C-alpha atoms as a PDB file:
ATOM      1  CA  UNK A   1      11.233  21.594 -33.400  1.00  0.00           C
ATOM      2  CA  UNK A   2      14.580  23.481 -34.068  1.00  0.00           C
ATOM      3  CA  UNK A   3      17.936  22.349 -32.885  1.00  0.00           C
ATOM      4  CA  UNK A   4      18.749  22.254 -29.745  1.00  0.00           C
ATOM      5  CA  UNK A   5      15.323  23.714 -28.658  1.00  0.00           C
ATOM      6  CA  UNK A   6      12.155  22.204 -27.418  1.00  0.00           C
ATOM      7  CA  UNK A   7       8.765  23.445 -28.936  1.00  0.00           C
ATOM      8  CA  UNK A   8       7.090  22.422 -25.903  1.00  0.00           C
ATOM      9  CA  UNK A   9       9.296  23.962 -23.400  1.00  0.00           C
ATOM     10  CA  UNK A  10       7.242  26.308 -21.171  1.00  0.00           C
ATOM     11  CA  UNK A  11       3.818  24.712 -22.422  1.00  0.00           C
ATOM     12  CA  UNK A  12       1.360  24.148 -20.534  1.00  0.00           C
ATOM     13  CA  UNK A  13      -0.071  20.531 -19.398  1.00  0.00           C
ATOM     14  CA  UNK A  14      -2.991  18.891 -21.560  1.00  0.00           C
ATOM     15  CA  UNK A  15      -5.652  18.608 -19.010  1.00  0.00           C
ATOM     16  CA  UNK A  16      -7.149  15.398 -20.863  1.00  0.00           C
ATOM     17  CA  UNK A  17      -3.889  13.598 -20.681  1.00  0.00           C
ATOM     18  CA  UNK A  18      -3.191  14.633 -17.181  1.00  0.00           C
ATOM     19  CA  UNK A  19      -6.479  13.337 -15.988  1.00  0.00           C
ATOM     20  CA  UNK A  20      -5.724   9.638 -17.673  1.00  0.00           C
ATOM     21  CA  UNK A  21      -2.609   9.752 -16.336  1.00  0.00           C
ATOM     22  CA  UNK A  22      -3.606  10.303 -13.093  1.00  0.00           C
ATOM     23  CA  UNK A  23      -6.326   7.101 -13.455  1.00  0.00           C
ATOM     24  CA  UNK A  24      -3.920   5.333 -15.355  1.00  0.00           C
ATOM     25  CA  UNK A  25      -2.040   5.781 -11.788  1.00  0.00           C
ATOM     26  CA  UNK A  26      -4.991   5.161  -9.592  1.00  0.00           C
ATOM     27  CA  UNK A  27      -5.751   1.937 -11.573  1.00  0.00           C
ATOM     28  CA  UNK A  28      -1.984   0.395 -10.921  1.00  0.00           C
ATOM     29  CA  UNK A  29      -2.838   1.229  -7.115  1.00  0.00           C
ATOM     30  CA  UNK A  30      -6.085  -0.424  -7.327  1.00  0.00           C
ATOM     31  CA  UNK A  31      -4.481  -3.501  -9.193  1.00  0.00           C
ATOM     32  CA  UNK A  32      -1.492  -3.818  -6.854  1.00  0.00           C
ATOM     33  CA  UNK A  33      -4.114  -3.872  -3.609  1.00  0.00           C
ATOM     34  CA  UNK A  34      -6.161  -6.337  -5.446  1.00  0.00           C
ATOM     35  CA  UNK A  35      -2.780  -8.874  -5.191  1.00  0.00           C
ATOM     36  CA  UNK A  36      -3.438  -8.833  -1.824  1.00  0.00           C
ATOM     37  CA  UNK A  37      -7.181 -10.846  -2.415  1.00  0.00           C
ATOM     38  CA  UNK A  38      -5.864 -12.895  -4.729  1.00  0.00           C
ATOM     39  CA  UNK A  39      -5.942 -17.014  -3.822  1.00  0.00           C
ATOM     40  CA  UNK A  40      -3.901 -18.768  -6.483  1.00  0.00           C
ATOM     41  CA  UNK A  41      -0.724 -18.050  -7.941  1.00  0.00           C
ATOM     42  CA  UNK A  42      -1.916 -18.026 -11.528  1.00  0.00           C
ATOM     43  CA  UNK A  43      -3.994 -15.025 -10.424  1.00  0.00           C
ATOM     44  CA  UNK A  44      -1.713 -12.686  -8.977  1.00  0.00           C
ATOM     45  CA  UNK A  45       0.531 -13.274 -12.281  1.00  0.00           C
ATOM     46  CA  UNK A  46      -2.506 -12.340 -13.936  1.00  0.00           C
ATOM     47  CA  UNK A  47      -2.445  -9.203 -11.448  1.00  0.00           C
ATOM     48  CA  UNK A  48       0.497  -8.657 -11.694  1.00  0.00           C
ATOM     49  CA  UNK A  49       0.773  -8.771 -15.984  1.00  0.00           C
ATOM     50  CA  UNK A  50      -2.168  -6.489 -15.682  1.00  0.00           C
ATOM     51  CA  UNK A  51       0.038  -3.676 -13.476  1.00  0.00           C
ATOM     52  CA  UNK A  52       2.647  -4.033 -15.765  1.00  0.00           C
ATOM     53  CA  UNK A  53       0.827  -2.762 -18.848  1.00  0.00           C
ATOM     54  CA  UNK A  54      -0.877   0.085 -17.353  1.00  0.00           C
ATOM     55  CA  UNK A  55       2.168   1.216 -15.817  1.00  0.00           C
ATOM     56  CA  UNK A  56       3.487   1.309 -19.281  1.00  0.00           C
ATOM     57  CA  UNK A  57       0.765   3.441 -20.535  1.00  0.00           C
ATOM     58  CA  UNK A  58       1.330   5.632 -17.707  1.00  0.00           C
ATOM     59  CA  UNK A  59       4.637   6.183 -18.196  1.00  0.00           C
ATOM     60  CA  UNK A  60       3.799   6.849 -21.900  1.00  0.00           C
ATOM     61  CA  UNK A  61       1.191   9.006 -20.976  1.00  0.00           C
ATOM     62  CA  UNK A  62       4.120  10.854 -18.828  1.00  0.00           C
ATOM     63  CA  UNK A  63       5.975  11.560 -21.925  1.00  0.00           C
ATOM     64  CA  UNK A  64       3.304  13.424 -24.035  1.00  0.00           C
ATOM     65  CA  UNK A  65       1.940  15.567 -21.250  1.00  0.00           C
ATOM     66  CA  UNK A  66       2.792  18.842 -22.715  1.00  0.00           C
ATOM     67  CA  UNK A  67       1.425  17.646 -26.371  1.00  0.00           C
ATOM     68  CA  UNK A  68      -1.182  19.860 -27.538  1.00  0.00           C
ATOM     69  CA  UNK A  69      -4.456  19.761 -26.759  1.00  0.00           C
ATOM     70  CA  UNK A  70      -6.719  18.146 -29.598  1.00  0.00           C
ATOM     71  CA  UNK A  71     -10.346  17.556 -29.640  1.00  0.00           C
ATOM     72  CA  UNK A  72      -9.158  13.224 -30.856  1.00  0.00           C
ATOM     73  CA  UNK A  73      -6.778  13.187 -27.798  1.00  0.00           C
ATOM     74  CA  UNK A  74      -9.930  14.416 -25.311  1.00  0.00           C
ATOM     75  CA  UNK A  75     -12.141  11.929 -27.154  1.00  0.00           C
ATOM     76  CA  UNK A  76      -9.663   8.834 -26.772  1.00  0.00           C
ATOM     77  CA  UNK A  77      -8.359  10.418 -23.172  1.00  0.00           C
ATOM     78  CA  UNK A  78     -11.958  10.920 -21.711  1.00  0.00           C
ATOM     79  CA  UNK A  79     -12.688   6.693 -23.276  1.00  0.00           C
ATOM     80  CA  UNK A  80      -9.636   6.040 -21.064  1.00  0.00           C
ATOM     81  CA  UNK A  81     -11.590   7.615 -18.191  1.00  0.00           C
ATOM     82  CA  UNK A  82     -14.447   6.328 -18.604  1.00  0.00           C
ATOM     83  CA  UNK A  83     -13.684   2.915 -18.740  1.00  0.00           C
ATOM     84  CA  UNK A  84     -11.852   2.835 -15.783  1.00  0.00           C
ATOM     85  CA  UNK A  85     -15.088   3.162 -13.812  1.00  0.00           C
ATOM     86  CA  UNK A  86     -16.600  -0.693 -15.214  1.00  0.00           C
ATOM     87  CA  UNK A  87     -12.378  -2.214 -14.582  1.00  0.00           C
ATOM     88  CA  UNK A  88     -13.183  -1.191 -10.823  1.00  0.00           C
ATOM     89  CA  UNK A  89     -16.495  -2.524 -10.638  1.00  0.00           C
ATOM     90  CA  UNK A  90     -15.794  -6.066 -12.231  1.00  0.00           C
ATOM     91  CA  UNK A  91     -12.578  -5.500  -9.628  1.00  0.00           C
ATOM     92  CA  UNK A  92     -15.005  -5.306  -6.587  1.00  0.00           C
ATOM     93  CA  UNK A  93     -17.478  -8.049  -7.993  1.00  0.00           C
ATOM     94  CA  UNK A  94     -15.024 -10.615  -9.032  1.00  0.00           C
ATOM     95  CA  UNK A  95     -16.146 -13.831  -9.692  1.00  0.00           C
ATOM     96  CA  UNK A  96     -13.889 -14.162 -12.991  1.00  0.00           C
ATOM     97  CA  UNK A  97     -10.636 -12.822 -13.324  1.00  0.00           C
ATOM     98  CA  UNK A  98     -11.292 -12.489 -17.393  1.00  0.00           C
ATOM     99  CA  UNK A  99     -13.495 -10.731 -17.140  1.00  0.00           C
ATOM    100  CA  UNK A 100     -10.987  -7.811 -14.963  1.00  0.00           C
ATOM    101  CA  UNK A 101      -8.552  -8.596 -17.795  1.00  0.00           C
ATOM    102  CA  UNK A 102     -11.212  -8.067 -20.325  1.00  0.00           C
ATOM    103  CA  UNK A 103     -11.973  -4.309 -19.030  1.00  0.00           C
ATOM    104  CA  UNK A 104      -8.459  -3.703 -18.746  1.00  0.00           C
ATOM    105  CA  UNK A 105      -7.687  -4.390 -22.365  1.00  0.00           C
ATOM    106  CA  UNK A 106      -9.972  -2.003 -23.271  1.00  0.00           C
ATOM    107  CA  UNK A 107      -8.715   0.760 -20.970  1.00  0.00           C
ATOM    108  CA  UNK A 108      -4.827  -0.164 -22.889  1.00  0.00           C
ATOM    109  CA  UNK A 109      -6.738  -0.082 -26.394  1.00  0.00           C
ATOM    110  CA  UNK A 110      -8.017   3.490 -25.186  1.00  0.00           C
ATOM    111  CA  UNK A 111      -4.993   4.904 -23.749  1.00  0.00           C
ATOM    112  CA  UNK A 112      -3.057   3.086 -26.440  1.00  0.00           C
ATOM    113  CA  UNK A 113      -4.945   5.419 -29.576  1.00  0.00           C
ATOM    114  CA  UNK A 114      -4.297   8.383 -26.847  1.00  0.00           C
ATOM    115  CA  UNK A 115      -0.810   8.345 -26.645  1.00  0.00           C
ATOM    116  CA  UNK A 116      -0.373   7.352 -30.221  1.00  0.00           C
ATOM    117  CA  UNK A 117      -2.414  10.794 -31.841  1.00  0.00           C
ATOM    118  CA  UNK A 118      -0.386  13.087 -28.707  1.00  0.00           C
ATOM    119  CA  UNK A 119       2.555  11.680 -30.214  1.00  0.00           C
ATOM    120  CA  UNK A 120       1.733  12.693 -33.927  1.00  0.00           C
ATOM    121  CA  UNK A 121       1.144  16.025 -32.387  1.00  0.00           C
ATOM    122  CA  UNK A 122       4.370  16.439 -30.660  1.00  0.00           C
ATOM    123  CA  UNK A 123       6.370  16.448 -33.777  1.00  0.00           C
END
């Protein structure tokens, strides 16, 4: 990057990161809807914590949407999108909220790795 100029200016959005970003935002909305069905304050607090964490990853992803497309970013972005249906199934079959939290944690780990790699590509 040269002084006063963004090397990504005019660059196209990375489609893998854009899909991951959309999926993370959709997961936040799903978790927000889950609050309406929560029966305890502890469950609401736990869901709210997960919303904060997923929102943080959605924001971080949004900041690197112009990262160059690489196989490594694609691999991790696809891992995020692939993990979300499992979380949604856990939400639908909510027997124990701890299972939802574990599923969200796996999504967050994959999102963190995709964003970490995208930041390296943007440097």
